[in-house]
């Protein structure tokens, strides 16, 4: 059963726990690809962290994840979508992603990338994302802009 959840804006103070969550969630995929570096995984997040584009996912007022939604000229980029492993697989990620897709489109396509072999790719494909390109490390996906509502 999916828990009751909400999203709140992030602040600079959230960066500390967010960087640790990212390192924990990404470690298995990065190790599988031979690319895990405990300093680099944290530094890449801190270099890209923009509080105004990042939201905190909460269950019962406890921070359990994050998602960044960044508008760009070529679409709306979904980045840094991480859930505490204890909350993965219960439908929470699907509900959060569904809400973001309904409320953030602004008439543009959604874009994102995942690591090769990441189970997260299945989540995105279930929500209408399809392959744009890939390289030995990353898979780039896109969901077309939603049709205008009449």
C-alpha atoms as a PDB file:
ATOM      1  CA  UNK A   1       0.000   0.000   0.000  1.00  0.00           C
ATOM      2  CA  UNK A   2       1.346   3.413  -0.949  1.00  0.00           C
ATOM      3  CA  UNK A   3       1.797   5.721   2.037  1.00  0.00           C
ATOM      4  CA  UNK A   4       0.425   9.232   2.400  1.00  0.00           C
ATOM      5  CA  UNK A   5       3.086  11.615   1.197  1.00  0.00           C
ATOM      6  CA  UNK A   6       3.732  15.211   0.276  1.00  0.00           C
ATOM      7  CA  UNK A   7       6.392  17.341  -1.368  1.00  0.00           C
ATOM      8  CA  UNK A   8       7.994  20.408   0.175  1.00  0.00           C
ATOM      9  CA  UNK A   9      10.510  22.897  -1.247  1.00  0.00           C
ATOM     10  CA  UNK A  10      14.145  22.230  -0.447  1.00  0.00           C
ATOM     11  CA  UNK A  11      16.661  24.579   1.139  1.00  0.00           C
ATOM     12  CA  UNK A  12      20.438  24.698   1.226  1.00  0.00           C
ATOM     13  CA  UNK A  13      20.247  22.952   4.610  1.00  0.00           C
ATOM     14  CA  UNK A  14      18.874  19.832   2.874  1.00  0.00           C
ATOM     15  CA  UNK A  15      22.055  19.313   0.854  1.00  0.00           C
ATOM     16  CA  UNK A  16      23.812  17.360   3.622  1.00  0.00           C
ATOM     17  CA  UNK A  17      21.325  14.493   3.872  1.00  0.00           C
ATOM     18  CA  UNK A  18      20.502  14.614   0.149  1.00  0.00           C
ATOM     19  CA  UNK A  19      24.108  14.023  -0.870  1.00  0.00           C
ATOM     20  CA  UNK A  20      24.276  10.998   1.441  1.00  0.00           C
ATOM     21  CA  UNK A  21      21.013   9.581   0.094  1.00  0.00           C
ATOM     22  CA  UNK A  22      22.289   9.981  -3.479  1.00  0.00           C
ATOM     23  CA  UNK A  23      25.523   8.167  -2.632  1.00  0.00           C
ATOM     24  CA  UNK A  24      23.599   5.303  -1.014  1.00  0.00           C
ATOM     25  CA  UNK A  25      21.044   4.919  -3.810  1.00  0.00           C
ATOM     26  CA  UNK A  26      23.512   5.204  -6.694  1.00  0.00           C
ATOM     27  CA  UNK A  27      26.256   3.031  -5.215  1.00  0.00           C
ATOM     28  CA  UNK A  28      25.047  -0.382  -6.505  1.00  0.00           C
ATOM     29  CA  UNK A  29      24.655   0.838 -10.101  1.00  0.00           C
ATOM     30  CA  UNK A  30      27.903   2.780 -10.076  1.00  0.00           C
ATOM     31  CA  UNK A  31      29.801  -0.173  -8.611  1.00  0.00           C
ATOM     32  CA  UNK A  32      28.314  -2.474 -11.253  1.00  0.00           C
ATOM     33  CA  UNK A  33      29.562  -0.055 -13.924  1.00  0.00           C
ATOM     34  CA  UNK A  34      32.970   0.219 -12.241  1.00  0.00           C
ATOM     35  CA  UNK A  35      32.458   3.938 -11.650  1.00  0.00           C
ATOM     36  CA  UNK A  36      31.804   4.311  -7.915  1.00  0.00           C
ATOM     37  CA  UNK A  37      33.937   6.992  -6.314  1.00  0.00           C
ATOM     38  CA  UNK A  38      32.664   8.071  -2.873  1.00  0.00           C
ATOM     39  CA  UNK A  39      33.976  11.619  -3.265  1.00  0.00           C
ATOM     40  CA  UNK A  40      32.848  12.132  -6.877  1.00  0.00           C
ATOM     41  CA  UNK A  41      29.304  10.829  -6.283  1.00  0.00           C
ATOM     42  CA  UNK A  42      28.844  13.424  -3.571  1.00  0.00           C
ATOM     43  CA  UNK A  43      30.644  16.277  -5.329  1.00  0.00           C
ATOM     44  CA  UNK A  44      28.614  15.897  -8.529  1.00  0.00           C
ATOM     45  CA  UNK A  45      25.407  16.350  -6.547  1.00  0.00           C
ATOM     46  CA  UNK A  46      26.705  19.357  -4.623  1.00  0.00           C
ATOM     47  CA  UNK A  47      27.923  21.001  -7.847  1.00  0.00           C
ATOM     48  CA  UNK A  48      24.475  20.648  -9.431  1.00  0.00           C
ATOM     49  CA  UNK A  49      22.224  21.184  -6.382  1.00  0.00           C
ATOM     50  CA  UNK A  50      19.797  24.034  -6.956  1.00  0.00           C
ATOM     51  CA  UNK A  51      17.320  24.334  -4.075  1.00  0.00           C
ATOM     52  CA  UNK A  52      14.740  26.215  -6.153  1.00  0.00           C
ATOM     53  CA  UNK A  53      14.481  23.248  -8.566  1.00  0.00           C
ATOM     54  CA  UNK A  54      14.586  20.530  -5.906  1.00  0.00           C
ATOM     55  CA  UNK A  55      11.738  19.182  -3.814  1.00  0.00           C
ATOM     56  CA  UNK A  56      11.810  16.982  -0.734  1.00  0.00           C
ATOM     57  CA  UNK A  57       9.545  13.935  -0.639  1.00  0.00           C
ATOM     58  CA  UNK A  58       8.064  13.337   2.805  1.00  0.00           C
ATOM     59  CA  UNK A  59       6.092  10.518   4.405  1.00  0.00           C
ATOM     60  CA  UNK A  60       4.500  11.431   7.742  1.00  0.00           C
ATOM     61  CA  UNK A  61       6.618  14.633   7.778  1.00  0.00           C
ATOM     62  CA  UNK A  62       9.830  12.593   7.520  1.00  0.00           C
ATOM     63  CA  UNK A  63      12.162  13.349   4.592  1.00  0.00           C
ATOM     64  CA  UNK A  64      12.473  10.158   2.523  1.00  0.00           C
ATOM     65  CA  UNK A  65      13.577  11.365  -0.893  1.00  0.00           C
ATOM     66  CA  UNK A  66      14.087  14.138  -3.379  1.00  0.00           C
ATOM     67  CA  UNK A  67      13.374  15.079  -6.959  1.00  0.00           C
ATOM     68  CA  UNK A  68      14.742  17.963  -9.006  1.00  0.00           C
ATOM     69  CA  UNK A  69      12.783  19.409 -11.917  1.00  0.00           C
ATOM     70  CA  UNK A  70      14.802  21.811 -14.047  1.00  0.00           C
ATOM     71  CA  UNK A  71      13.306  23.758 -16.973  1.00  0.00           C
ATOM     72  CA  UNK A  72      15.604  24.078 -19.991  1.00  0.00           C
ATOM     73  CA  UNK A  73      15.219  25.177 -23.622  1.00  0.00           C
ATOM     74  CA  UNK A  74      14.854  21.542 -24.800  1.00  0.00           C
ATOM     75  CA  UNK A  75      12.383  20.383 -22.156  1.00  0.00           C
ATOM     76  CA  UNK A  76      11.836  19.836 -18.472  1.00  0.00           C
ATOM     77  CA  UNK A  77      14.665  17.761 -16.996  1.00  0.00           C
ATOM     78  CA  UNK A  78      13.958  15.381 -14.136  1.00  0.00           C
ATOM     79  CA  UNK A  79      17.113  14.958 -12.120  1.00  0.00           C
ATOM     80  CA  UNK A  80      18.167  13.603  -8.763  1.00  0.00           C
ATOM     81  CA  UNK A  81      15.087  11.453  -8.154  1.00  0.00           C
ATOM     82  CA  UNK A  82      16.112   9.356  -5.160  1.00  0.00           C
ATOM     83  CA  UNK A  83      14.082   7.545  -2.530  1.00  0.00           C
ATOM     84  CA  UNK A  84      15.371   6.020   0.654  1.00  0.00           C
ATOM     85  CA  UNK A  85      15.735   2.290  -0.124  1.00  0.00           C
ATOM     86  CA  UNK A  86      13.182   1.515   2.612  1.00  0.00           C
ATOM     87  CA  UNK A  87      10.566   3.345   0.495  1.00  0.00           C
ATOM     88  CA  UNK A  88      11.471   1.870  -2.882  1.00  0.00           C
ATOM     89  CA  UNK A  89       9.122  -0.651  -4.457  1.00  0.00           C
ATOM     90  CA  UNK A  90       5.943   0.420  -2.632  1.00  0.00           C
ATOM     91  CA  UNK A  91       4.541   2.687  -5.355  1.00  0.00           C
ATOM     92  CA  UNK A  92       5.713   5.956  -3.820  1.00  0.00           C
ATOM     93  CA  UNK A  93       8.128   6.731  -6.681  1.00  0.00           C
ATOM     94  CA  UNK A  94       5.421   6.118  -9.254  1.00  0.00           C
ATOM     95  CA  UNK A  95       3.003   8.441  -7.466  1.00  0.00           C
ATOM     96  CA  UNK A  96       5.595  11.207  -7.104  1.00  0.00           C
ATOM     97  CA  UNK A  97       6.631  10.911 -10.746  1.00  0.00           C
ATOM     98  CA  UNK A  98       2.987  10.919 -11.845  1.00  0.00           C
ATOM     99  CA  UNK A  99       2.328  14.136  -9.947  1.00  0.00           C
ATOM    100  CA  UNK A 100       5.420  15.806 -11.422  1.00  0.00           C
ATOM    101  CA  UNK A 101       4.390  14.780 -14.940  1.00  0.00           C
ATOM    102  CA  UNK A 102       0.898  16.228 -14.412  1.00  0.00           C
ATOM    103  CA  UNK A 103       1.973  19.531 -12.895  1.00  0.00           C
ATOM    104  CA  UNK A 104       5.339  20.519 -14.382  1.00  0.00           C
ATOM    105  CA  UNK A 105       5.001  20.101 -18.140  1.00  0.00           C
ATOM    106  CA  UNK A 106       4.554  23.702 -19.336  1.00  0.00           C
ATOM    107  CA  UNK A 107       3.970  22.314 -22.850  1.00  0.00           C
ATOM    108  CA  UNK A 108       7.462  20.847 -23.119  1.00  0.00           C
ATOM    109  CA  UNK A 109       8.756  17.286 -23.242  1.00  0.00           C
ATOM    110  CA  UNK A 110      10.257  15.714 -20.152  1.00  0.00           C
ATOM    111  CA  UNK A 111      13.851  14.499 -20.349  1.00  0.00           C
ATOM    112  CA  UNK A 112      16.095  12.524 -18.033  1.00  0.00           C
ATOM    113  CA  UNK A 113      18.944  10.089 -17.943  1.00  0.00           C
ATOM    114  CA  UNK A 114      19.570   6.946 -15.924  1.00  0.00           C
ATOM    115  CA  UNK A 115      22.589   4.724 -15.562  1.00  0.00           C
ATOM    116  CA  UNK A 116      22.819   1.693 -17.842  1.00  0.00           C
ATOM    117  CA  UNK A 117      21.090  -1.265 -16.186  1.00  0.00           C
ATOM    118  CA  UNK A 118      19.318   0.839 -13.556  1.00  0.00           C
ATOM    119  CA  UNK A 119      15.968  -0.593 -12.442  1.00  0.00           C
ATOM    120  CA  UNK A 120      14.666   3.006 -12.411  1.00  0.00           C
ATOM    121  CA  UNK A 121      14.441   2.846 -16.197  1.00  0.00           C
ATOM    122  CA  UNK A 122      11.397   0.555 -15.921  1.00  0.00           C
ATOM    123  CA  UNK A 123       9.615   3.159 -13.778  1.00  0.00           C
ATOM    124  CA  UNK A 124      10.166   5.838 -16.388  1.00  0.00           C
ATOM    125  CA  UNK A 125       9.137   3.603 -19.280  1.00  0.00           C
ATOM    126  CA  UNK A 126       5.896   2.739 -17.457  1.00  0.00           C
ATOM    127  CA  UNK A 127       5.207   6.480 -17.378  1.00  0.00           C
ATOM    128  CA  UNK A 128       5.676   6.917 -21.125  1.00  0.00           C
ATOM    129  CA  UNK A 129       9.380   7.687 -21.469  1.00  0.00           C
ATOM    130  CA  UNK A 130      11.233   6.187 -24.409  1.00  0.00           C
ATOM    131  CA  UNK A 131      14.842   5.873 -25.493  1.00  0.00           C
ATOM    132  CA  UNK A 132      16.492   8.856 -27.190  1.00  0.00           C
ATOM    133  CA  UNK A 133      20.128   7.780 -27.018  1.00  0.00           C
ATOM    134  CA  UNK A 134      22.596   5.880 -24.895  1.00  0.00           C
ATOM    135  CA  UNK A 135      26.266   5.424 -24.272  1.00  0.00           C
ATOM    136  CA  UNK A 136      28.183   2.864 -22.194  1.00  0.00           C
ATOM    137  CA  UNK A 137      27.217   4.659 -18.953  1.00  0.00           C
ATOM    138  CA  UNK A 138      23.978   6.617 -19.484  1.00  0.00           C
ATOM    139  CA  UNK A 139      20.586   6.060 -21.067  1.00  0.00           C
ATOM    140  CA  UNK A 140      18.722   9.210 -22.169  1.00  0.00           C
ATOM    141  CA  UNK A 141      14.930   9.073 -22.146  1.00  0.00           C
ATOM    142  CA  UNK A 142      12.182  11.467 -23.187  1.00  0.00           C
ATOM    143  CA  UNK A 143       8.441  11.763 -22.736  1.00  0.00           C
ATOM    144  CA  UNK A 144       6.747  13.959 -25.376  1.00  0.00           C
ATOM    145  CA  UNK A 145       5.011  17.157 -24.310  1.00  0.00           C
ATOM    146  CA  UNK A 146       1.482  16.493 -23.138  1.00  0.00           C
ATOM    147  CA  UNK A 147      -1.371  17.325 -25.460  1.00  0.00           C
ATOM    148  CA  UNK A 148      -3.021  20.662 -24.636  1.00  0.00           C
ATOM    149  CA  UNK A 149      -6.167  20.228 -22.556  1.00  0.00           C
ATOM    150  CA  UNK A 150      -9.377  21.475 -24.130  1.00  0.00           C
END
